[in-house]
């Protein structure tokens, strides 16, 4: 699993859609600030799910 930055307080788990014909679904843990800056983590059409984590 990937993280936006080791020093950030991680709040969301973002799972991306797999590539066409693929089975790998990348997952990232991100903080509030990085989550709001969608340029870094893709548009809604490539995101499969977003879960809030404690």
Protein backbone atom coordinates (compact mmCIF):
# COMPACT_ATOMS: atom_id res chain seq x y z
CA UNK A 1 0.00 0.00 0.00
CA UNK A 2 1.25 3.47 -0.85
CA UNK A 3 1.11 6.61 1.31
CA UNK A 4 1.05 10.27 0.28
CA UNK A 5 3.77 11.07 2.85
CA UNK A 6 5.04 9.22 5.91
CA UNK A 7 4.67 12.35 8.05
CA UNK A 8 1.06 13.11 7.09
CA UNK A 9 -1.92 12.03 9.20
CA UNK A 10 -3.57 9.48 6.91
CA UNK A 11 -7.36 9.82 6.70
CA UNK A 12 -8.54 8.13 3.48
CA UNK A 13 -7.95 4.87 1.63
CA UNK A 14 -8.29 5.35 -2.14
CA UNK A 15 -8.61 2.27 -4.33
CA UNK A 16 -8.19 2.76 -8.07
CA UNK A 17 -9.81 0.83 -10.89
CA UNK A 18 -7.59 -1.74 -12.53
CA UNK A 19 -6.32 -1.24 -16.04
CA UNK A 20 -8.51 -2.71 -18.74
CA UNK A 21 -8.00 -6.47 -18.63
CA UNK A 22 -5.83 -6.22 -15.53
CA UNK A 23 -6.41 -7.33 -11.97
CA UNK A 24 -4.03 -5.02 -10.06
CA UNK A 25 -5.96 -2.36 -8.14
CA UNK A 26 -3.55 0.16 -6.58
CA UNK A 27 -4.43 1.46 -3.11
CA UNK A 28 -3.20 4.67 -1.48
CA UNK A 29 -3.55 6.07 2.03
CA UNK A 30 -3.79 9.87 1.95
CA UNK A 31 -4.25 12.82 4.30
CA UNK A 32 -6.96 15.52 4.11
CA UNK A 33 -4.74 18.00 2.29
CA UNK A 34 -3.58 15.56 -0.39
CA UNK A 35 -7.10 14.19 -0.82
CA UNK A 36 -8.44 17.70 -1.49
CA UNK A 37 -5.69 18.26 -4.07
CA UNK A 38 -7.18 15.82 -6.60
CA UNK A 39 -4.48 16.57 -9.18
CA UNK A 40 -2.18 14.23 -7.28
CA UNK A 41 -4.55 11.31 -6.89
CA UNK A 42 -6.58 11.21 -10.09
CA UNK A 43 -10.01 12.05 -11.35
CA UNK A 44 -13.21 10.39 -10.18
CA UNK A 45 -13.37 8.21 -13.30
CA UNK A 46 -10.22 6.28 -12.27
CA UNK A 47 -11.13 5.88 -8.59
CA UNK A 48 -13.03 2.76 -7.59
CA UNK A 49 -13.64 3.63 -3.94
CA UNK A 50 -12.73 6.04 -1.16
CA UNK A 51 -13.00 4.97 2.49
CA UNK A 52 -12.47 7.17 5.53
CA UNK A 53 -10.11 5.60 8.05
CA UNK A 54 -9.65 6.58 11.68
